[in-house]
Amino acid sequence: MAGKFEITKDAEGRFRFWLKAANGVIIATSGEDYQSLAGVKNAIASVRKNAPDAKEVDLTGHAHTGSSA
């Protein structure tokens, strides 16, 4: 079985996703909420588009600033 994106909706009507590995472990989350189902689906599409070419950047030797270019 392949991994899967799961979409949830909270009590306030906002959407989030998490990516689960084939064994059911959550390996990534949306990190923010979205006002619409279309918005969260666009975020998932962005992950699918950008992740295959994403670089691995080791920041373990640096203070975390919240961004890396």
N, C-alpha and C. Protein backbone atom coordinates (compact mmCIF):
# COMPACT_ATOMS: atom_id res chain seq x y z
N MET A 1 0.85 -1.19 0.00
CA MET A 1 0.00 0.00 0.00
C MET A 1 0.89 1.24 0.00
N ALA A 2 0.54 2.22 -0.78
CA ALA A 2 1.29 3.46 -0.85
C ALA A 2 0.87 4.40 0.28
N GLY A 3 1.67 5.42 0.49
CA GLY A 3 1.29 6.45 1.45
C GLY A 3 0.05 7.18 0.97
N LYS A 4 -0.51 7.99 1.86
CA LYS A 4 -1.73 8.73 1.48
C LYS A 4 -1.82 10.05 2.22
N PHE A 5 -2.45 11.01 1.58
CA PHE A 5 -2.79 12.28 2.20
C PHE A 5 -4.18 12.14 2.79
N GLU A 6 -4.35 12.54 4.04
CA GLU A 6 -5.67 12.54 4.68
C GLU A 6 -6.03 13.99 5.01
N ILE A 7 -7.24 14.36 4.68
CA ILE A 7 -7.75 15.72 4.91
C ILE A 7 -8.73 15.67 6.08
N THR A 8 -8.57 16.61 7.00
CA THR A 8 -9.49 16.71 8.13
C THR A 8 -10.12 18.09 8.16
N LYS A 9 -11.23 18.19 8.85
CA LYS A 9 -11.94 19.45 9.02
C LYS A 9 -12.22 19.62 10.50
N ASP A 10 -11.80 20.77 11.07
CA ASP A 10 -11.98 20.97 12.50
C ASP A 10 -13.36 21.55 12.81
N ALA A 11 -13.64 21.76 14.08
CA ALA A 11 -14.94 22.24 14.53
C ALA A 11 -15.28 23.62 13.98
N GLU A 12 -14.24 24.40 13.66
CA GLU A 12 -14.45 25.75 13.10
C GLU A 12 -14.58 25.73 11.58
N GLY A 13 -14.52 24.54 10.99
CA GLY A 13 -14.69 24.41 9.54
C GLY A 13 -13.42 24.61 8.73
N ARG A 14 -12.26 24.60 9.38
CA ARG A 14 -10.99 24.77 8.67
C ARG A 14 -10.39 23.40 8.35
N PHE A 15 -9.64 23.36 7.27
CA PHE A 15 -9.10 22.11 6.76
C PHE A 15 -7.60 22.01 7.00
N ARG A 16 -7.13 20.79 7.21
CA ARG A 16 -5.70 20.46 7.35
C ARG A 16 -5.47 19.13 6.66
N PHE A 17 -4.20 18.83 6.41
CA PHE A 17 -3.88 17.50 5.91
C PHE A 17 -2.70 16.93 6.65
N TRP A 18 -2.59 15.63 6.60
CA TRP A 18 -1.36 14.96 7.00
C TRP A 18 -1.06 13.91 5.96
N LEU A 19 0.21 13.62 5.82
CA LEU A 19 0.69 12.58 4.92
C LEU A 19 1.09 11.39 5.76
N LYS A 20 0.48 10.25 5.47
CA LYS A 20 0.77 9.03 6.21
C LYS A 20 1.56 8.07 5.32
N ALA A 21 2.58 7.46 5.90
CA ALA A 21 3.34 6.42 5.23
C ALA A 21 2.46 5.17 5.11
N ALA A 22 2.92 4.22 4.34
CA ALA A 22 2.16 2.98 4.13
C ALA A 22 1.85 2.26 5.44
N ASN A 23 2.71 2.43 6.45
CA ASN A 23 2.48 1.76 7.74
C ASN A 23 1.56 2.56 8.67
N GLY A 24 1.02 3.69 8.19
CA GLY A 24 0.06 4.48 8.97
C GLY A 24 0.67 5.58 9.81
N VAL A 25 1.99 5.69 9.81
CA VAL A 25 2.66 6.73 10.61
C VAL A 25 2.58 8.06 9.87
N ILE A 26 2.22 9.12 10.60
CA ILE A 26 2.19 10.47 10.02
C ILE A 26 3.62 10.93 9.81
N ILE A 27 3.96 11.27 8.56
CA ILE A 27 5.32 11.70 8.25
C ILE A 27 5.40 13.17 7.85
N ALA A 28 4.26 13.81 7.62
CA ALA A 28 4.24 15.25 7.32
C ALA A 28 2.84 15.78 7.61
N THR A 29 2.77 17.06 7.96
CA THR A 29 1.47 17.72 8.19
C THR A 29 1.42 19.02 7.42
N SER A 30 0.22 19.57 7.27
CA SER A 30 0.07 20.82 6.53
C SER A 30 0.73 21.98 7.24
N GLY A 31 0.84 21.94 8.55
CA GLY A 31 1.48 23.02 9.29
C GLY A 31 0.63 24.27 9.43
N GLU A 32 -0.47 24.33 8.75
CA GLU A 32 -1.39 25.45 8.85
C GLU A 32 -2.78 24.97 8.47
N ASP A 33 -3.78 25.80 8.69
CA ASP A 33 -5.12 25.41 8.29
C ASP A 33 -5.55 26.23 7.08
N TYR A 34 -6.55 25.72 6.39
CA TYR A 34 -7.05 26.33 5.16
C TYR A 34 -8.55 26.58 5.30
N GLN A 35 -9.00 27.65 4.71
CA GLN A 35 -10.41 28.04 4.82
C GLN A 35 -11.33 27.19 3.95
N SER A 36 -10.76 26.55 2.92
CA SER A 36 -11.60 25.79 2.00
C SER A 36 -10.97 24.45 1.65
N LEU A 37 -11.80 23.54 1.19
CA LEU A 37 -11.32 22.25 0.72
C LEU A 37 -10.40 22.45 -0.48
N ALA A 38 -10.76 23.37 -1.36
CA ALA A 38 -9.92 23.66 -2.53
C ALA A 38 -8.54 24.14 -2.09
N GLY A 39 -8.48 24.94 -1.05
CA GLY A 39 -7.21 25.45 -0.54
C GLY A 39 -6.31 24.34 -0.03
N VAL A 40 -6.86 23.41 0.73
CA VAL A 40 -6.04 22.32 1.25
C VAL A 40 -5.63 21.38 0.12
N LYS A 41 -6.49 21.19 -0.86
CA LYS A 41 -6.12 20.36 -2.01
C LYS A 41 -5.01 21.02 -2.83
N ASN A 42 -5.03 22.34 -2.93
CA ASN A 42 -3.94 23.05 -3.61
C ASN A 42 -2.63 22.87 -2.85
N ALA A 43 -2.68 22.87 -1.54
CA ALA A 43 -1.48 22.67 -0.73
C ALA A 43 -0.92 21.26 -0.95
N ILE A 44 -1.78 20.28 -1.01
CA ILE A 44 -1.35 18.91 -1.28
C ILE A 44 -0.71 18.83 -2.67
N ALA A 45 -1.33 19.46 -3.65
CA ALA A 45 -0.76 19.47 -5.00
C ALA A 45 0.61 20.13 -5.01
N SER A 46 0.80 21.16 -4.21
CA SER A 46 2.09 21.82 -4.12
C SER A 46 3.15 20.90 -3.54
N VAL A 47 2.80 20.15 -2.51
CA VAL A 47 3.74 19.19 -1.93
C VAL A 47 4.12 18.15 -2.98
N ARG A 48 3.13 17.63 -3.68
CA ARG A 48 3.41 16.63 -4.71
C ARG A 48 4.32 17.19 -5.80
N LYS A 49 4.10 18.43 -6.18
CA LYS A 49 4.88 19.06 -7.25
C LYS A 49 6.31 19.35 -6.80
N ASN A 50 6.48 19.88 -5.60
CA ASN A 50 7.79 20.36 -5.15
C ASN A 50 8.65 19.32 -4.44
N ALA A 51 8.07 18.34 -3.81
CA ALA A 51 8.84 17.39 -3.02
C ALA A 51 9.80 16.52 -3.82
N PRO A 52 9.45 16.07 -5.03
CA PRO A 52 10.39 15.20 -5.75
C PRO A 52 11.76 15.85 -6.00
N ASP A 53 11.79 17.16 -6.12
CA ASP A 53 13.04 17.86 -6.39
C ASP A 53 13.58 18.63 -5.19
N ALA A 54 12.96 18.45 -4.05
CA ALA A 54 13.38 19.19 -2.86
C ALA A 54 14.78 18.77 -2.42
N LYS A 55 15.60 19.75 -2.08
CA LYS A 55 16.94 19.48 -1.58
C LYS A 55 16.86 19.14 -0.10
N GLU A 56 17.81 18.36 0.35
CA GLU A 56 17.97 18.09 1.78
C GLU A 56 19.00 19.07 2.30
N VAL A 57 18.61 19.90 3.26
CA VAL A 57 19.50 20.92 3.81
C VAL A 57 19.72 20.61 5.29
N ASP A 58 20.95 20.33 5.66
CA ASP A 58 21.29 20.00 7.04
C ASP A 58 21.55 21.29 7.82
N LEU A 59 20.65 21.62 8.72
CA LEU A 59 20.76 22.84 9.53
C LEU A 59 21.14 22.52 10.97
N THR A 60 21.57 21.30 11.22
CA THR A 60 21.84 20.90 12.60
C THR A 60 22.99 21.66 13.23
N GLY A 61 23.87 22.25 12.43
CA GLY A 61 24.99 23.01 12.97
C GLY A 61 24.72 24.49 13.07
N HIS A 62 23.47 24.91 12.82
CA HIS A 62 23.12 26.33 12.80
C HIS A 62 21.93 26.59 13.72
N ALA A 63 21.86 27.81 14.23
CA ALA A 63 20.69 28.20 15.01
C ALA A 63 19.48 28.23 14.09
N HIS A 64 18.36 27.74 14.56
CA HIS A 64 17.14 27.71 13.75
C HIS A 64 16.52 29.10 13.67
N THR A 65 16.29 29.57 12.45
CA THR A 65 15.68 30.89 12.24
C THR A 65 14.29 30.79 11.67
N GLY A 66 13.84 29.58 11.34
CA GLY A 66 12.50 29.42 10.81
C GLY A 66 12.44 29.43 9.30
N SER A 67 13.55 29.71 8.63
CA SER A 67 13.54 29.68 7.18
C SER A 67 14.92 29.28 6.68
N SER A 68 14.92 28.72 5.50
CA SER A 68 16.18 28.41 4.82
C SER A 68 15.97 28.60 3.34
N ALA A 69 16.85 29.33 2.73
CA ALA A 69 16.71 29.61 1.30
C ALA A 69 17.60 28.72 0.48
